[in-house]
Every structure is written in structure tokens, then in C-alpha cells.
Amino acid sequence: MPIVTIHQGPRDVELKRELVKRVTDAFVDAYKIPAETVQVWIHEVPKDSWGAAGTLMADK
């Protein structure tokens, strides 16, 4: 059973639904497994708790 973990900033629920569907479909196509065996975990990180290139995302 594949478990896919995605770390990202907050997104709209509709975008997350689409992401979960596409990631699941990719595993189904690549591994020839039932969609029911694929789990996608989305961990949302607030912009004030995430930095890149020495700068908080909240400051961009």
C-alpha cells in the first residue's frame, strides 16, 4: 500500500481534492494497483513556520 506524503503551504480544499485524485491516478497507472490501496497525506505548514532561501514564506 503506497503512502504519499505531501508537505505544502495551505491550499483550498478543491485544489487538494484534485491533487489527491491525480496522485492516486498516477500510482494506479504506474503500479497497476487498485486506487483503494493508495493513501495521500497532506501536511499543511503555515507560512510563518516555513522558510526558503533564508526568508520566511510569510515575509514574501
PDB file of N, CA and C in Angstrom:
ATOM      1  N   MET A   1       0.842  -1.176   0.000  1.00  0.00           N
ATOM      2  CA  MET A   1       0.000   0.000   0.000  1.00  0.00           C
ATOM      3  C   MET A   1       0.891   1.243   0.000  1.00  0.00           C
ATOM      4  N   PRO A   2       0.933   1.983  -1.098  1.00  0.00           N
ATOM      5  CA  PRO A   2       1.721   3.210  -1.132  1.00  0.00           C
ATOM      6  C   PRO A   2       1.103   4.299  -0.255  1.00  0.00           C
ATOM      7  N   ILE A   3       1.967   5.002   0.442  1.00  0.00           N
ATOM      8  CA  ILE A   3       1.560   6.187   1.195  1.00  0.00           C
ATOM      9  C   ILE A   3       2.389   7.342   0.679  1.00  0.00           C
ATOM     10  N   VAL A   4       1.726   8.351   0.147  1.00  0.00           N
ATOM     11  CA  VAL A   4       2.382   9.529  -0.401  1.00  0.00           C
ATOM     12  C   VAL A   4       2.198  10.668   0.590  1.00  0.00           C
ATOM     13  N   THR A   5       3.285  11.313   0.987  1.00  0.00           N
ATOM     14  CA  THR A   5       3.205  12.437   1.912  1.00  0.00           C
ATOM     15  C   THR A   5       3.590  13.708   1.175  1.00  0.00           C
ATOM     16  N   ILE A   6       2.740  14.707   1.266  1.00  0.00           N
ATOM     17  CA  ILE A   6       2.968  15.998   0.616  1.00  0.00           C
ATOM     18  C   ILE A   6       3.013  17.069   1.695  1.00  0.00           C
ATOM     19  N   HIS A   7       4.097  17.822   1.718  1.00  0.00           N
ATOM     20  CA  HIS A   7       4.221  18.965   2.621  1.00  0.00           C
ATOM     21  C   HIS A   7       4.056  20.213   1.768  1.00  0.00           C
ATOM     22  N   GLN A   8       3.168  21.087   2.183  1.00  0.00           N
ATOM     23  CA  GLN A   8       2.913  22.296   1.398  1.00  0.00           C
ATOM     24  C   GLN A   8       2.307  23.370   2.282  1.00  0.00           C
ATOM     25  N   GLY A   9       2.216  24.560   1.711  1.00  0.00           N
ATOM     26  CA  GLY A   9       1.501  25.637   2.363  1.00  0.00           C
ATOM     27  C   GLY A   9       0.001  25.406   2.221  1.00  0.00           C
ATOM     28  N   PRO A  10      -0.788  26.151   2.956  1.00  0.00           N
ATOM     29  CA  PRO A  10      -2.245  25.986   2.897  1.00  0.00           C
ATOM     30  C   PRO A  10      -2.799  26.181   1.479  1.00  0.00           C
ATOM     31  N   ARG A  11      -3.718  25.323   1.124  1.00  0.00           N
ATOM     32  CA  ARG A  11      -4.382  25.393  -0.180  1.00  0.00           C
ATOM     33  C   ARG A  11      -5.882  25.192   0.016  1.00  0.00           C
ATOM     34  N   ASP A  12      -6.653  25.611  -0.968  1.00  0.00           N
ATOM     35  CA  ASP A  12      -8.100  25.439  -0.998  1.00  0.00           C
ATOM     36  C   ASP A  12      -8.439  23.943  -1.069  1.00  0.00           C
ATOM     37  N   VAL A  13      -9.518  23.545  -0.438  1.00  0.00           N
ATOM     38  CA  VAL A  13      -9.914  22.138  -0.400  1.00  0.00           C
ATOM     39  C   VAL A  13     -10.156  21.575  -1.803  1.00  0.00           C
ATOM     40  N   GLU A  14     -10.660  22.368  -2.724  1.00  0.00           N
ATOM     41  CA  GLU A  14     -10.889  21.878  -4.090  1.00  0.00           C
ATOM     42  C   GLU A  14      -9.566  21.536  -4.773  1.00  0.00           C
ATOM     43  N   LEU A  15      -8.537  22.346  -4.546  1.00  0.00           N
ATOM     44  CA  LEU A  15      -7.225  22.052  -5.117  1.00  0.00           C
ATOM     45  C   LEU A  15      -6.653  20.768  -4.517  1.00  0.00           C
ATOM     46  N   LYS A  16      -6.869  20.573  -3.219  1.00  0.00           N
ATOM     47  CA  LYS A  16      -6.374  19.361  -2.569  1.00  0.00           C
ATOM     48  C   LYS A  16      -7.111  18.125  -3.080  1.00  0.00           C
ATOM     49  N   ARG A  17      -8.395  18.240  -3.327  1.00  0.00           N
ATOM     50  CA  ARG A  17      -9.150  17.112  -3.901  1.00  0.00           C
ATOM     51  C   ARG A  17      -8.562  16.708  -5.245  1.00  0.00           C
ATOM     52  N   GLU A  18      -8.290  17.688  -6.072  1.00  0.00           N
ATOM     53  CA  GLU A  18      -7.730  17.423  -7.400  1.00  0.00           C
ATOM     54  C   GLU A  18      -6.331  16.812  -7.284  1.00  0.00           C
ATOM     55  N   LEU A  19      -5.523  17.315  -6.383  1.00  0.00           N
ATOM     56  CA  LEU A  19      -4.180  16.775  -6.177  1.00  0.00           C
ATOM     57  C   LEU A  19      -4.239  15.314  -5.747  1.00  0.00           C
ATOM     58  N   VAL A  20      -5.095  15.000  -4.779  1.00  0.00           N
ATOM     59  CA  VAL A  20      -5.224  13.625  -4.290  1.00  0.00           C
ATOM     60  C   VAL A  20      -5.672  12.701  -5.424  1.00  0.00           C
ATOM     61  N   LYS A  21      -6.598  13.161  -6.240  1.00  0.00           N
ATOM     62  CA  LYS A  21      -7.065  12.344  -7.366  1.00  0.00           C
ATOM     63  C   LYS A  21      -5.934  12.088  -8.351  1.00  0.00           C
ATOM     64  N   ARG A  22      -5.187  13.125  -8.700  1.00  0.00           N
ATOM     65  CA  ARG A  22      -4.122  12.960  -9.693  1.00  0.00           C
ATOM     66  C   ARG A  22      -2.975  12.087  -9.177  1.00  0.00           C
ATOM     67  N   VAL A  23      -2.610  12.275  -7.924  1.00  0.00           N
ATOM     68  CA  VAL A  23      -1.541  11.452  -7.342  1.00  0.00           C
ATOM     69  C   VAL A  23      -1.991   9.989  -7.298  1.00  0.00           C
ATOM     70  N   THR A  24      -3.216   9.763  -6.865  1.00  0.00           N
ATOM     71  CA  THR A  24      -3.750   8.404  -6.825  1.00  0.00           C
ATOM     72  C   THR A  24      -3.758   7.792  -8.219  1.00  0.00           C
ATOM     73  N   ASP A  25      -4.249   8.518  -9.199  1.00  0.00           N
ATOM     74  CA  ASP A  25      -4.291   8.019 -10.579  1.00  0.00           C
ATOM     75  C   ASP A  25      -2.894   7.680 -11.096  1.00  0.00           C
ATOM     76  N   ALA A  26      -1.900   8.495 -10.726  1.00  0.00           N
ATOM     77  CA  ALA A  26      -0.527   8.230 -11.169  1.00  0.00           C
ATOM     78  C   ALA A  26      -0.023   6.897 -10.621  1.00  0.00           C
ATOM     79  N   PHE A  27      -0.309   6.600  -9.360  1.00  0.00           N
ATOM     80  CA  PHE A  27       0.113   5.325  -8.779  1.00  0.00           C
ATOM     81  C   PHE A  27      -0.654   4.159  -9.393  1.00  0.00           C
ATOM     82  N   VAL A  28      -1.934   4.346  -9.623  1.00  0.00           N
ATOM     83  CA  VAL A  28      -2.740   3.303 -10.247  1.00  0.00           C
ATOM     84  C   VAL A  28      -2.179   2.981 -11.635  1.00  0.00           C
ATOM     85  N   ASP A  29      -1.856   4.007 -12.404  1.00  0.00           N
ATOM     86  CA  ASP A  29      -1.324   3.807 -13.746  1.00  0.00           C
ATOM     87  C   ASP A  29       0.077   3.190 -13.725  1.00  0.00           C
ATOM     88  N   ALA A  30       0.943   3.670 -12.860  1.00  0.00           N
ATOM     89  CA  ALA A  30       2.332   3.222 -12.840  1.00  0.00           C
ATOM     90  C   ALA A  30       2.493   1.825 -12.239  1.00  0.00           C
ATOM     91  N   TYR A  31       1.772   1.560 -11.161  1.00  0.00           N
ATOM     92  CA  TYR A  31       1.957   0.299 -10.432  1.00  0.00           C
ATOM     93  C   TYR A  31       0.882  -0.741 -10.719  1.00  0.00           C
ATOM     94  N   LYS A  32      -0.142  -0.337 -11.474  1.00  0.00           N
ATOM     95  CA  LYS A  32      -1.244  -1.259 -11.792  1.00  0.00           C
ATOM     96  C   LYS A  32      -1.868  -1.835 -10.517  1.00  0.00           C
ATOM     97  N   ILE A  33      -2.207  -0.928  -9.593  1.00  0.00           N
ATOM     98  CA  ILE A  33      -2.802  -1.311  -8.315  1.00  0.00           C
ATOM     99  C   ILE A  33      -4.170  -0.647  -8.174  1.00  0.00           C
ATOM    100  N   PRO A  34      -5.018  -1.179  -7.304  1.00  0.00           N
ATOM    101  CA  PRO A  34      -6.323  -0.546  -7.080  1.00  0.00           C
ATOM    102  C   PRO A  34      -6.163   0.810  -6.381  1.00  0.00           C
ATOM    103  N   ALA A  35      -7.010   1.746  -6.750  1.00  0.00           N
ATOM    104  CA  ALA A  35      -6.978   3.080  -6.139  1.00  0.00           C
ATOM    105  C   ALA A  35      -7.164   2.995  -4.624  1.00  0.00           C
ATOM    106  N   GLU A  36      -7.902   2.013  -4.166  1.00  0.00           N
ATOM    107  CA  GLU A  36      -8.178   1.868  -2.735  1.00  0.00           C
ATOM    108  C   GLU A  36      -6.920   1.608  -1.904  1.00  0.00           C
ATOM    109  N   THR A  37      -5.843   1.196  -2.560  1.00  0.00           N
ATOM    110  CA  THR A  37      -4.610   0.899  -1.826  1.00  0.00           C
ATOM    111  C   THR A  37      -3.693   2.108  -1.689  1.00  0.00           C
ATOM    112  N   VAL A  38      -4.024   3.207  -2.332  1.00  0.00           N
ATOM    113  CA  VAL A  38      -3.173   4.405  -2.313  1.00  0.00           C
ATOM    114  C   VAL A  38      -3.679   5.381  -1.256  1.00  0.00           C
ATOM    115  N   GLN A  39      -2.765   5.823  -0.400  1.00  0.00           N
ATOM    116  CA  GLN A  39      -3.103   6.845   0.589  1.00  0.00           C
ATOM    117  C   GLN A  39      -2.269   8.090   0.307  1.00  0.00           C
ATOM    118  N   VAL A  40      -2.887   9.250   0.398  1.00  0.00           N
ATOM    119  CA  VAL A  40      -2.192  10.522   0.208  1.00  0.00           C
ATOM    120  C   VAL A  40      -2.407  11.344   1.468  1.00  0.00           C
ATOM    121  N   TRP A  41      -1.294  11.705   2.089  1.00  0.00           N
ATOM    122  CA  TRP A  41      -1.343  12.529   3.302  1.00  0.00           C
ATOM    123  C   TRP A  41      -0.835  13.913   2.960  1.00  0.00           C
ATOM    124  N   ILE A  42      -1.625  14.934   3.263  1.00  0.00           N
ATOM    125  CA  ILE A  42      -1.227  16.322   3.017  1.00  0.00           C
ATOM    126  C   ILE A  42      -0.970  16.990   4.361  1.00  0.00           C
ATOM    127  N   HIS A  43       0.247  17.447   4.530  1.00  0.00           N
ATOM    128  CA  HIS A  43       0.627  18.189   5.731  1.00  0.00           C
ATOM    129  C   HIS A  43       0.777  19.653   5.338  1.00  0.00           C
ATOM    130  N   GLU A  44      -0.093  20.492   5.861  1.00  0.00           N
ATOM    131  CA  GLU A  44      -0.031  21.914   5.548  1.00  0.00           C
ATOM    132  C   GLU A  44       0.776  22.648   6.615  1.00  0.00           C
ATOM    133  N   VAL A  45       1.714  23.413   6.146  1.00  0.00           N
ATOM    134  CA  VAL A  45       2.608  24.158   7.023  1.00  0.00           C
ATOM    135  C   VAL A  45       2.264  25.645   6.911  1.00  0.00           C
ATOM    136  N   PRO A  46       1.967  26.312   8.019  1.00  0.00           N
ATOM    137  CA  PRO A  46       1.668  27.744   7.956  1.00  0.00           C
ATOM    138  C   PRO A  46       2.863  28.529   7.403  1.00  0.00           C
ATOM    139  N   LYS A  47       2.584  29.616   6.712  1.00  0.00           N
ATOM    140  CA  LYS A  47       3.639  30.420   6.103  1.00  0.00           C
ATOM    141  C   LYS A  47       4.620  30.984   7.113  1.00  0.00           C
ATOM    142  N   ASP A  48       4.210  31.135   8.370  1.00  0.00           N
ATOM    143  CA  ASP A  48       5.145  31.651   9.370  1.00  0.00           C
ATOM    144  C   ASP A  48       5.980  30.533  10.003  1.00  0.00           C
ATOM    145  N   SER A  49       5.801  29.305   9.520  1.00  0.00           N
ATOM    146  CA  SER A  49       6.577  28.170  10.015  1.00  0.00           C
ATOM    147  C   SER A  49       7.360  27.485   8.898  1.00  0.00           C
ATOM    148  N   TRP A  50       7.612  28.208   7.817  1.00  0.00           N
ATOM    149  CA  TRP A  50       8.249  27.629   6.650  1.00  0.00           C
ATOM    150  C   TRP A  50       9.115  28.697   5.999  1.00  0.00           C
ATOM    151  N   GLY A  51      10.344  28.348   5.736  1.00  0.00           N
ATOM    152  CA  GLY A  51      11.254  29.296   5.113  1.00  0.00           C
ATOM    153  C   GLY A  51      11.958  28.702   3.918  1.00  0.00           C
ATOM    154  N   ALA A  52      12.413  29.553   3.025  1.00  0.00           N
ATOM    155  CA  ALA A  52      13.191  29.155   1.865  1.00  0.00           C
ATOM    156  C   ALA A  52      14.176  30.265   1.548  1.00  0.00           C
ATOM    157  N   ALA A  53      15.398  29.875   1.242  1.00  0.00           N
ATOM    158  CA  ALA A  53      16.455  30.837   0.877  1.00  0.00           C
ATOM    159  C   ALA A  53      16.654  31.884   1.965  1.00  0.00           C
ATOM    160  N   GLY A  54      16.510  31.462   3.221  1.00  0.00           N
ATOM    161  CA  GLY A  54      16.764  32.358   4.347  1.00  0.00           C
ATOM    162  C   GLY A  54      15.647  33.307   4.704  1.00  0.00           C
ATOM    163  N   THR A  55      14.467  33.116   4.103  1.00  0.00           N
ATOM    164  CA  THR A  55      13.345  34.030   4.342  1.00  0.00           C
ATOM    165  C   THR A  55      12.084  33.229   4.654  1.00  0.00           C
ATOM    166  N   LEU A  56      11.331  33.677   5.651  1.00  0.00           N
ATOM    167  CA  LEU A  56      10.038  33.053   5.924  1.00  0.00           C
ATOM    168  C   LEU A  56       9.101  33.296   4.750  1.00  0.00           C
ATOM    169  N   MET A  57       8.295  32.302   4.450  1.00  0.00           N
ATOM    170  CA  MET A  57       7.307  32.468   3.383  1.00  0.00           C
ATOM    171  C   MET A  57       6.331  33.589   3.724  1.00  0.00           C
ATOM    172  N   ALA A  58       6.068  33.811   4.999  1.00  0.00           N
ATOM    173  CA  ALA A  58       5.168  34.880   5.423  1.00  0.00           C
ATOM    174  C   ALA A  58       5.715  36.260   5.063  1.00  0.00           C
ATOM    175  N   ASP A  59       7.034  36.358   4.873  1.00  0.00           N
ATOM    176  CA  ASP A  59       7.655  37.642   4.560  1.00  0.00           C
ATOM    177  C   ASP A  59       7.786  37.896   3.062  1.00  0.00           C
ATOM    178  N   LYS A  60       7.360  36.956   2.267  1.00  0.00           N
ATOM    179  CA  LYS A  60       7.467  37.133   0.804  1.00  0.00           C
ATOM    180  C   LYS A  60       6.255  37.803   0.235  1.00  0.00           C
TER     181      LYS A  60
END
